[in-house]
PDB file of N, CA and C in Angstrom:
ATOM      1  N   MET A   1      35.891  18.276 -14.925  1.00  0.00           N
ATOM      2  CA  MET A   1      35.008  17.191 -14.534  1.00  0.00           C
ATOM      3  C   MET A   1      34.008  17.690 -13.502  1.00  0.00           C
ATOM      4  N   VAL A   2      32.904  17.059 -13.545  1.00  0.00           N
ATOM      5  CA  VAL A   2      31.852  17.418 -12.598  1.00  0.00           C
ATOM      6  C   VAL A   2      32.017  16.568 -11.349  1.00  0.00           C
ATOM      7  N   SER A   3      32.097  17.245 -10.221  1.00  0.00           N
ATOM      8  CA  SER A   3      32.229  16.487  -8.973  1.00  0.00           C
ATOM      9  C   SER A   3      30.849  16.029  -8.513  1.00  0.00           C
ATOM     10  N   MET A   4      30.772  14.792  -8.090  1.00  0.00           N
ATOM     11  CA  MET A   4      29.494  14.233  -7.633  1.00  0.00           C
ATOM     12  C   MET A   4      29.533  14.074  -6.118  1.00  0.00           C
ATOM     13  N   ARG A   5      28.495  14.526  -5.499  1.00  0.00           N
ATOM     14  CA  ARG A   5      28.392  14.400  -4.050  1.00  0.00           C
ATOM     15  C   ARG A   5      27.567  13.159  -3.713  1.00  0.00           C
ATOM     16  N   ARG A   6      28.007  12.520  -2.698  1.00  0.00           N
ATOM     17  CA  ARG A   6      27.228  11.389  -2.214  1.00  0.00           C
ATOM     18  C   ARG A   6      26.319  11.871  -1.093  1.00  0.00           C
ATOM     19  N   LYS A   7      25.077  11.534  -1.225  1.00  0.00           N
ATOM     20  CA  LYS A   7      24.127  11.916  -0.193  1.00  0.00           C
ATOM     21  C   LYS A   7      23.979  10.757   0.780  1.00  0.00           C
ATOM     22  N   LYS A   8      23.986  11.112   2.030  1.00  0.00           N
ATOM     23  CA  LYS A   8      23.833  10.094   3.050  1.00  0.00           C
ATOM     24  C   LYS A   8      22.356   9.709   3.146  1.00  0.00           C
ATOM     25  N   ALA A   9      22.107   8.410   3.164  1.00  0.00           N
ATOM     26  CA  ALA A   9      20.734   7.921   3.245  1.00  0.00           C
ATOM     27  C   ALA A   9      20.179   8.181   4.639  1.00  0.00           C
ATOM     28  N   ARG A  10      18.946   8.609   4.689  1.00  0.00           N
ATOM     29  CA  ARG A  10      18.292   8.848   5.967  1.00  0.00           C
ATOM     30  C   ARG A  10      17.676   7.546   6.455  1.00  0.00           C
ATOM     31  N   SER A  11      17.757   7.361   7.751  1.00  0.00           N
ATOM     32  CA  SER A  11      17.157   6.156   8.312  1.00  0.00           C
ATOM     33  C   SER A  11      15.728   6.464   8.753  1.00  0.00           C
ATOM     34  N   LEU A  12      14.894   5.449   8.702  1.00  0.00           N
ATOM     35  CA  LEU A  12      13.493   5.573   9.078  1.00  0.00           C
ATOM     36  C   LEU A  12      13.259   4.754  10.337  1.00  0.00           C
ATOM     37  N   THR A  13      12.686   5.377  11.345  1.00  0.00           N
ATOM     38  CA  THR A  13      12.378   4.655  12.574  1.00  0.00           C
ATOM     39  C   THR A  13      10.880   4.678  12.801  1.00  0.00           C
ATOM     40  N   VAL A  14      10.361   3.584  13.335  1.00  0.00           N
ATOM     41  CA  VAL A  14       8.937   3.463  13.619  1.00  0.00           C
ATOM     42  C   VAL A  14       8.784   3.142  15.096  1.00  0.00           C
ATOM     43  N   ARG A  15       7.969   3.934  15.776  1.00  0.00           N
ATOM     44  CA  ARG A  15       7.709   3.684  17.187  1.00  0.00           C
ATOM     45  C   ARG A  15       6.317   3.113  17.337  1.00  0.00           C
ATOM     46  N   CYS A  16       6.187   2.142  18.190  1.00  0.00           N
ATOM     47  CA  CYS A  16       4.886   1.558  18.496  1.00  0.00           C
ATOM     48  C   CYS A  16       4.438   2.076  19.857  1.00  0.00           C
ATOM     49  N   GLU A  17       3.387   2.854  19.868  1.00  0.00           N
ATOM     50  CA  GLU A  17       2.924   3.447  21.120  1.00  0.00           C
ATOM     51  C   GLU A  17       2.318   2.410  22.041  1.00  0.00           C
ATOM     52  N   GLN A  18       1.806   1.324  21.490  1.00  0.00           N
ATOM     53  CA  GLN A  18       1.185   0.309  22.325  1.00  0.00           C
ATOM     54  C   GLN A  18       2.219  -0.414  23.174  1.00  0.00           C
ATOM     55  N   GLY A  19       3.475  -0.387  22.754  1.00  0.00           N
ATOM     56  CA  GLY A  19       4.522  -1.065  23.500  1.00  0.00           C
ATOM     57  C   GLY A  19       4.718  -0.491  24.892  1.00  0.00           C
ATOM     58  N   ALA A  20       4.331   0.751  25.104  1.00  0.00           N
ATOM     59  CA  ALA A  20       4.484   1.360  26.421  1.00  0.00           C
ATOM     60  C   ALA A  20       3.413   0.887  27.385  1.00  0.00           C
ATOM     61  N   LYS A  21       2.312   0.345  26.860  1.00  0.00           N
ATOM     62  CA  LYS A  21       1.237  -0.158  27.715  1.00  0.00           C
ATOM     63  C   LYS A  21       1.532  -1.601  28.094  1.00  0.00           C
ATOM     64  N   GLY A  22       0.683  -2.127  28.928  1.00  0.00           N
ATOM     65  CA  GLY A  22       0.805  -3.545  29.236  1.00  0.00           C
ATOM     66  C   GLY A  22       1.711  -3.803  30.420  1.00  0.00           C
ATOM     67  N   SER A  23       2.410  -4.900  30.361  1.00  0.00           N
ATOM     68  CA  SER A  23       3.195  -5.329  31.521  1.00  0.00           C
ATOM     69  C   SER A  23       4.576  -4.694  31.514  1.00  0.00           C
ATOM     70  N   GLY A  24       4.748  -3.692  32.317  1.00  0.00           N
ATOM     71  CA  GLY A  24       6.056  -3.108  32.561  1.00  0.00           C
ATOM     72  C   GLY A  24       6.681  -2.383  31.388  1.00  0.00           C
ATOM     73  N   GLY A  25       5.924  -1.968  30.394  1.00  0.00           N
ATOM     74  CA  GLY A  25       6.487  -1.226  29.281  1.00  0.00           C
ATOM     75  C   GLY A  25       7.224  -2.078  28.272  1.00  0.00           C
ATOM     76  N   GLY A  26       7.228  -3.391  28.468  1.00  0.00           N
ATOM     77  CA  GLY A  26       7.922  -4.266  27.538  1.00  0.00           C
ATOM     78  C   GLY A  26       7.051  -4.717  26.390  1.00  0.00           C
ATOM     79  N   GLY A  27       5.797  -4.238  26.342  1.00  0.00           N
ATOM     80  CA  GLY A  27       4.909  -4.651  25.272  1.00  0.00           C
ATOM     81  C   GLY A  27       4.454  -6.082  25.417  1.00  0.00           C
ATOM     82  N   GLY A  28       4.161  -6.508  26.651  1.00  0.00           N
ATOM     83  CA  GLY A  28       3.809  -7.888  26.934  1.00  0.00           C
ATOM     84  C   GLY A  28       2.549  -8.366  26.242  1.00  0.00           C
ATOM     85  N   GLY A  29       1.671  -7.469  25.834  1.00  0.00           N
ATOM     86  CA  GLY A  29       0.482  -7.867  25.099  1.00  0.00           C
ATOM     87  C   GLY A  29      -0.561  -8.537  25.970  1.00  0.00           C
ATOM     88  N   GLY A  30      -0.759  -8.062  27.189  1.00  0.00           N
ATOM     89  CA  GLY A  30      -1.711  -8.684  28.076  1.00  0.00           C
ATOM     90  C   GLY A  30      -3.049  -7.986  28.126  1.00  0.00           C
ATOM     91  N   GLY A  31      -3.281  -6.980  27.302  1.00  0.00           N
ATOM     92  CA  GLY A  31      -4.527  -6.235  27.339  1.00  0.00           C
ATOM     93  C   GLY A  31      -5.672  -7.023  26.750  1.00  0.00           C
ATOM     94  N   LEU A  32      -6.896  -6.682  27.199  1.00  0.00           N
ATOM     95  CA  LEU A  32      -8.078  -7.389  26.730  1.00  0.00           C
ATOM     96  C   LEU A  32      -8.289  -7.180  25.239  1.00  0.00           C
ATOM     97  N   ASP A  33      -7.994  -5.984  24.737  1.00  0.00           N
ATOM     98  CA  ASP A  33      -8.183  -5.739  23.310  1.00  0.00           C
ATOM     99  C   ASP A  33      -7.270  -6.621  22.461  1.00  0.00           C
ATOM    100  N   VAL A  34      -6.090  -6.911  22.967  1.00  0.00           N
ATOM    101  CA  VAL A  34      -5.176  -7.801  22.239  1.00  0.00           C
ATOM    102  C   VAL A  34      -5.747  -9.204  22.204  1.00  0.00           C
ATOM    103  N   TRP A  35      -6.284  -9.674  23.356  1.00  0.00           N
ATOM    104  CA  TRP A  35      -6.841 -11.022  23.405  1.00  0.00           C
ATOM    105  C   TRP A  35      -8.103 -11.131  22.571  1.00  0.00           C
ATOM    106  N   LEU A  36      -8.925 -10.069  22.538  1.00  0.00           N
ATOM    107  CA  LEU A  36     -10.119 -10.087  21.692  1.00  0.00           C
ATOM    108  C   LEU A  36      -9.745 -10.174  20.212  1.00  0.00           C
ATOM    109  N   SER A  37      -8.723  -9.429  19.817  1.00  0.00           N
ATOM    110  CA  SER A  37      -8.331  -9.474  18.409  1.00  0.00           C
ATOM    111  C   SER A  37      -7.712 -10.823  18.057  1.00  0.00           C
ATOM    112  N   ARG A  38      -6.966 -11.403  18.981  1.00  0.00           N
ATOM    113  CA  ARG A  38      -6.414 -12.742  18.728  1.00  0.00           C
ATOM    114  C   ARG A  38      -7.528 -13.772  18.598  1.00  0.00           C
ATOM    115  N   GLY A  39      -8.529 -13.666  19.460  1.00  0.00           N
ATOM    116  CA  GLY A  39      -9.678 -14.584  19.374  1.00  0.00           C
ATOM    117  C   GLY A  39     -10.441 -14.431  18.073  1.00  0.00           C
ATOM    118  N   ALA A  40     -10.595 -13.179  17.619  1.00  0.00           N
ATOM    119  CA  ALA A  40     -11.277 -12.937  16.353  1.00  0.00           C
ATOM    120  C   ALA A  40     -10.501 -13.534  15.188  1.00  0.00           C
ATOM    121  N   MET A  41      -9.183 -13.397  15.222  1.00  0.00           N
ATOM    122  CA  MET A  41      -8.364 -13.980  14.153  1.00  0.00           C
ATOM    123  C   MET A  41      -8.470 -15.503  14.142  1.00  0.00           C
ATOM    124  N   LEU A  42      -8.440 -16.114  15.332  1.00  0.00           N
ATOM    125  CA  LEU A  42      -8.567 -17.568  15.403  1.00  0.00           C
ATOM    126  C   LEU A  42      -9.948 -18.029  14.937  1.00  0.00           C
ATOM    127  N   GLY A  43     -10.990 -17.283  15.297  1.00  0.00           N
ATOM    128  CA  GLY A  43     -12.334 -17.622  14.845  1.00  0.00           C
ATOM    129  C   GLY A  43     -12.476 -17.524  13.341  1.00  0.00           C
ATOM    130  N   PHE A  44     -11.879 -16.512  12.759  1.00  0.00           N
ATOM    131  CA  PHE A  44     -11.936 -16.348  11.301  1.00  0.00           C
ATOM    132  C   PHE A  44     -11.205 -17.495  10.606  1.00  0.00           C
ATOM    133  N   VAL A  45     -10.033 -17.852  11.104  1.00  0.00           N
ATOM    134  CA  VAL A  45      -9.278 -18.963  10.517  1.00  0.00           C
ATOM    135  C   VAL A  45     -10.051 -20.270  10.678  1.00  0.00           C
ATOM    136  N   ALA A  46     -10.695 -20.461  11.827  1.00  0.00           N
ATOM    137  CA  ALA A  46     -11.476 -21.678  12.050  1.00  0.00           C
ATOM    138  C   ALA A  46     -12.662 -21.745  11.085  1.00  0.00           C
ATOM    139  N   ALA A  47     -13.343 -20.621  10.868  1.00  0.00           N
ATOM    140  CA  ALA A  47     -14.480 -20.605   9.948  1.00  0.00           C
ATOM    141  C   ALA A  47     -14.040 -20.910   8.516  1.00  0.00           C
ATOM    142  N   ILE A  48     -12.928 -20.336   8.096  1.00  0.00           N
ATOM    143  CA  ILE A  48     -12.415 -20.614   6.747  1.00  0.00           C
ATOM    144  C   ILE A  48     -11.996 -22.075   6.629  1.00  0.00           C
ATOM    145  N   THR A  49     -11.375 -22.620   7.671  1.00  0.00           N
ATOM    146  CA  THR A  49     -10.953 -24.026   7.653  1.00  0.00           C
ATOM    147  C   THR A  49     -12.149 -24.952   7.556  1.00  0.00           C
ATOM    148  N   VAL A  50     -13.210 -24.654   8.316  1.00  0.00           N
ATOM    149  CA  VAL A  50     -14.425 -25.469   8.258  1.00  0.00           C
ATOM    150  C   VAL A  50     -15.027 -25.426   6.858  1.00  0.00           C
ATOM    151  N   GLU A  51     -15.073 -24.243   6.263  1.00  0.00           N
ATOM    152  CA  GLU A  51     -15.649 -24.132   4.921  1.00  0.00           C
ATOM    153  C   GLU A  51     -14.810 -24.862   3.879  1.00  0.00           C
ATOM    154  N   LEU A  52     -13.493 -24.805   4.010  1.00  0.00           N
ATOM    155  CA  LEU A  52     -12.636 -25.484   3.037  1.00  0.00           C
ATOM    156  C   LEU A  52     -12.678 -27.003   3.189  1.00  0.00           C
ATOM    157  N   THR A  53     -12.751 -27.491   4.412  1.00  0.00           N
ATOM    158  CA  THR A  53     -12.715 -28.936   4.619  1.00  0.00           C
ATOM    159  C   THR A  53     -14.056 -29.614   4.359  1.00  0.00           C
ATOM    160  N   THR A  54     -15.167 -28.948   4.708  1.00  0.00           N
ATOM    161  CA  THR A  54     -16.472 -29.584   4.541  1.00  0.00           C
ATOM    162  C   THR A  54     -17.174 -29.176   3.252  1.00  0.00           C
ATOM    163  N   GLY A  55     -16.803 -28.059   2.691  1.00  0.00           N
ATOM    164  CA  GLY A  55     -17.481 -27.582   1.490  1.00  0.00           C
ATOM    165  C   GLY A  55     -18.777 -26.852   1.794  1.00  0.00           C
ATOM    166  N   LYS A  56     -19.110 -26.715   3.063  1.00  0.00           N
ATOM    167  CA  LYS A  56     -20.318 -25.999   3.476  1.00  0.00           C
ATOM    168  C   LYS A  56     -19.925 -24.881   4.426  1.00  0.00           C
ATOM    169  N   GLY A  57     -20.774 -23.899   4.528  1.00  0.00           N
ATOM    170  CA  GLY A  57     -20.526 -22.800   5.447  1.00  0.00           C
ATOM    171  C   GLY A  57     -20.752 -23.210   6.887  1.00  0.00           C
ATOM    172  N   VAL A  58     -20.361 -22.356   7.801  1.00  0.00           N
ATOM    173  CA  VAL A  58     -20.493 -22.649   9.222  1.00  0.00           C
ATOM    174  C   VAL A  58     -21.956 -22.802   9.606  1.00  0.00           C
ATOM    175  N   LEU A  59     -22.819 -21.936   9.115  1.00  0.00           N
ATOM    176  CA  LEU A  59     -24.244 -22.020   9.446  1.00  0.00           C
ATOM    177  C   LEU A  59     -24.878 -23.288   8.887  1.00  0.00           C
ATOM    178  N   GLN A  60     -24.450 -23.727   7.715  1.00  0.00           N
ATOM    179  CA  GLN A  60     -24.981 -24.967   7.152  1.00  0.00           C
ATOM    180  C   GLN A  60     -24.554 -26.168   7.982  1.00  0.00           C
ATOM    181  N   ASN A  61     -23.383 -26.123   8.566  1.00  0.00           N
ATOM    182  CA  ASN A  61     -22.908 -27.230   9.387  1.00  0.00           C
ATOM    183  C   ASN A  61     -23.697 -27.366  10.686  1.00  0.00           C
ATOM    184  N   VAL A  62     -24.265 -26.290  11.187  1.00  0.00           N
ATOM    185  CA  VAL A  62     -25.065 -26.373  12.412  1.00  0.00           C
ATOM    186  C   VAL A  62     -26.550 -26.500  12.117  1.00  0.00           C
ATOM    187  N   GLY A  63     -26.926 -26.632  10.838  1.00  0.00           N
ATOM    188  CA  GLY A  63     -28.311 -26.905  10.486  1.00  0.00           C
ATOM    189  C   GLY A  63     -29.102 -25.725   9.971  1.00  0.00           C
ATOM    190  N   LEU A  64     -28.516 -24.578   9.839  1.00  0.00           N
ATOM    191  CA  LEU A  64     -29.233 -23.418   9.303  1.00  0.00           C
ATOM    192  C   LEU A  64     -28.851 -23.247   7.835  1.00  0.00           C
ATOM    193  N   THR A  65     -29.684 -23.783   6.946  1.00  0.00           N
ATOM    194  CA  THR A  65     -29.348 -23.691   5.531  1.00  0.00           C
ATOM    195  C   THR A  65     -29.643 -22.311   4.978  1.00  0.00           C
ATOM    196  N   SER A  66     -30.730 -21.719   5.421  1.00  0.00           N
ATOM    197  CA  SER A  66     -31.022 -20.346   5.008  1.00  0.00           C
ATOM    198  C   SER A  66     -31.365 -19.555   6.265  1.00  0.00           C
ATOM    199  N   PRO A  67     -30.409 -18.837   6.802  1.00  0.00           N
ATOM    200  CA  PRO A  67     -30.650 -18.154   8.075  1.00  0.00           C
ATOM    201  C   PRO A  67     -31.722 -17.070   7.946  1.00  0.00           C
ATOM    202  N   VAL A  68     -32.592 -17.066   8.933  1.00  0.00           N
ATOM    203  CA  VAL A  68     -33.643 -16.056   8.989  1.00  0.00           C
ATOM    204  C   VAL A  68     -32.975 -14.710   9.278  1.00  0.00           C
ATOM    205  N   PRO A  69     -33.350 -13.662   8.559  1.00  0.00           N
ATOM    206  CA  PRO A  69     -32.712 -12.353   8.800  1.00  0.00           C
ATOM    207  C   PRO A  69     -32.821 -11.882  10.251  1.00  0.00           C
ATOM    208  N   THR A  70     -33.897 -12.228  10.924  1.00  0.00           N
ATOM    209  CA  THR A  70     -34.062 -11.824  12.318  1.00  0.00           C
ATOM    210  C   THR A  70     -33.028 -12.511  13.201  1.00  0.00           C
ATOM    211  N   VAL A  71     -32.782 -13.794  12.944  1.00  0.00           N
ATOM    212  CA  VAL A  71     -31.793 -14.529  13.730  1.00  0.00           C
ATOM    213  C   VAL A  71     -30.400 -13.963  13.479  1.00  0.00           C
ATOM    214  N   ALA A  72     -30.086 -13.685  12.213  1.00  0.00           N
ATOM    215  CA  ALA A  72     -28.778 -13.125  11.883  1.00  0.00           C
ATOM    216  C   ALA A  72     -28.597 -11.747  12.523  1.00  0.00           C
ATOM    217  N   LEU A  73     -29.643 -10.938  12.489  1.00  0.00           N
ATOM    218  CA  LEU A  73     -29.575  -9.608  13.096  1.00  0.00           C
ATOM    219  C   LEU A  73     -29.429  -9.701  14.609  1.00  0.00           C
ATOM    220  N   ALA A  74     -30.159 -10.610  15.234  1.00  0.00           N
ATOM    221  CA  ALA A  74     -30.062 -10.772  16.688  1.00  0.00           C
ATOM    222  C   ALA A  74     -28.673 -11.261  17.088  1.00  0.00           C
ATOM    223  N   LEU A  75     -28.135 -12.218  16.350  1.00  0.00           N
ATOM    224  CA  LEU A  75     -26.804 -12.726  16.654  1.00  0.00           C
ATOM    225  C   LEU A  75     -25.749 -11.636  16.497  1.00  0.00           C
ATOM    226  N   THR A  76     -25.861 -10.844  15.442  1.00  0.00           N
ATOM    227  CA  THR A  76     -24.938  -9.737  15.232  1.00  0.00           C
ATOM    228  C   THR A  76     -25.053  -8.716  16.358  1.00  0.00           C
ATOM    229  N   GLY A  77     -26.272  -8.434  16.795  1.00  0.00           N
ATOM    230  CA  GLY A  77     -26.479  -7.494  17.893  1.00  0.00           C
ATOM    231  C   GLY A  77     -25.882  -7.974  19.193  1.00  0.00           C
ATOM    232  N   VAL A  78     -26.074  -9.252  19.512  1.00  0.00           N
ATOM    233  CA  VAL A  78     -25.532  -9.803  20.758  1.00  0.00           C
ATOM    234  C   VAL A  78     -24.008  -9.772  20.744  1.00  0.00           C
ATOM    235  N   VAL A  79     -23.421 -10.190  19.642  1.00  0.00           N
ATOM    236  CA  VAL A  79     -21.957 -10.182  19.535  1.00  0.00           C
ATOM    237  C   VAL A  79     -21.430  -8.748  19.595  1.00  0.00           C
ATOM    238  N   GLY A  80     -22.101  -7.822  18.929  1.00  0.00           N
ATOM    239  CA  GLY A  80     -21.671  -6.421  18.938  1.00  0.00           C
ATOM    240  C   GLY A  80     -21.745  -5.798  20.319  1.00  0.00           C
ATOM    241  N   VAL A  81     -22.833  -6.047  21.031  1.00  0.00           N
ATOM    242  CA  VAL A  81     -22.989  -5.493  22.377  1.00  0.00           C
ATOM    243  C   VAL A  81     -21.960  -6.100  23.329  1.00  0.00           C
ATOM    244  N   ALA A  82     -21.746  -7.414  23.234  1.00  0.00           N
ATOM    245  CA  ALA A  82     -20.750  -8.058  24.100  1.00  0.00           C
ATOM    246  C   ALA A  82     -19.349  -7.531  23.816  1.00  0.00           C
ATOM    247  N   THR A  83     -19.027  -7.343  22.548  1.00  0.00           N
ATOM    248  CA  THR A  83     -17.711  -6.816  22.192  1.00  0.00           C
ATOM    249  C   THR A  83     -17.536  -5.384  22.696  1.00  0.00           C
ATOM    250  N   ALA A  84     -18.548  -4.555  22.495  1.00  0.00           N
ATOM    251  CA  ALA A  84     -18.470  -3.173  22.969  1.00  0.00           C
ATOM    252  C   ALA A  84     -18.326  -3.125  24.491  1.00  0.00           C
ATOM    253  N   PHE A  85     -19.063  -3.979  25.193  1.00  0.00           N
ATOM    254  CA  PHE A  85     -18.959  -4.027  26.654  1.00  0.00           C
ATOM    255  C   PHE A  85     -17.546  -4.387  27.091  1.00  0.00           C
ATOM    256  N   LEU A  86     -16.974  -5.414  26.472  1.00  0.00           N
ATOM    257  CA  LEU A  86     -15.627  -5.837  26.846  1.00  0.00           C
ATOM    258  C   LEU A  86     -14.585  -4.762  26.529  1.00  0.00           C
ATOM    259  N   ILE A  87     -14.751  -4.080  25.406  1.00  0.00           N
ATOM    260  CA  ILE A  87     -13.803  -3.023  25.047  1.00  0.00           C
ATOM    261  C   ILE A  87     -13.893  -1.859  26.030  1.00  0.00           C
ATOM    262  N   PHE A  88     -15.123  -1.467  26.403  1.00  0.00           N
ATOM    263  CA  PHE A  88     -15.275  -0.364  27.346  1.00  0.00           C
ATOM    264  C   PHE A  88     -14.772  -0.750  28.728  1.00  0.00           C
ATOM    265  N   GLN A  89     -14.948  -1.994  29.131  1.00  0.00           N
ATOM    266  CA  GLN A  89     -14.420  -2.451  30.407  1.00  0.00           C
ATOM    267  C   GLN A  89     -12.902  -2.398  30.409  1.00  0.00           C
ATOM    268  N   SER A  90     -12.290  -2.790  29.291  1.00  0.00           N
ATOM    269  CA  SER A  90     -10.842  -2.766  29.173  1.00  0.00           C
ATOM    270  C   SER A  90     -10.321  -1.337  29.223  1.00  0.00           C
ATOM    271  N   ALA A  91     -11.028  -0.416  28.577  1.00  0.00           N
ATOM    272  CA  ALA A  91     -10.597   0.982  28.552  1.00  0.00           C
ATOM    273  C   ALA A  91     -10.718   1.626  29.917  1.00  0.00           C
ATOM    274  N   SER A  92     -11.718   1.224  30.707  1.00  0.00           N
ATOM    275  CA  SER A  92     -11.886   1.826  32.024  1.00  0.00           C
ATOM    276  C   SER A  92     -10.818   1.360  33.001  1.00  0.00           C
ATOM    277  N   GLN A  93     -10.185   0.225  32.730  1.00  0.00           N
ATOM    278  CA  GLN A  93      -9.137  -0.278  33.620  1.00  0.00           C
ATOM    279  C   GLN A  93      -7.785   0.326  33.298  1.00  0.00           C
ATOM    280  N   ASP A  94      -7.587   0.888  32.123  1.00  0.00           N
ATOM    281  CA  ASP A  94      -6.291   1.457  31.717  1.00  0.00           C
ATOM    282  C   ASP A  94      -6.027   2.795  32.310  1.00  0.00           C
TER     283      ASP A  94
END
């Protein structure tokens, strides 16, 4: 008879490096980047909810039926610069 060996299964472990940052190494999640990402997620969910409930997009609800490309570009630039500023401020404090 052929003897069969049982192979022991290897376990897989995953370490989260972000857990060492924050409040006391417990992964408290108090960093600005965490709050910015949470705010972005809430904003995205709010925009989808508005579109599903009203049947119109967010810009249509505030009166912009066809946004001017210049306005859209300026708004994107302001949001991008503000986000970059906040991220760099957060990184300089770490």
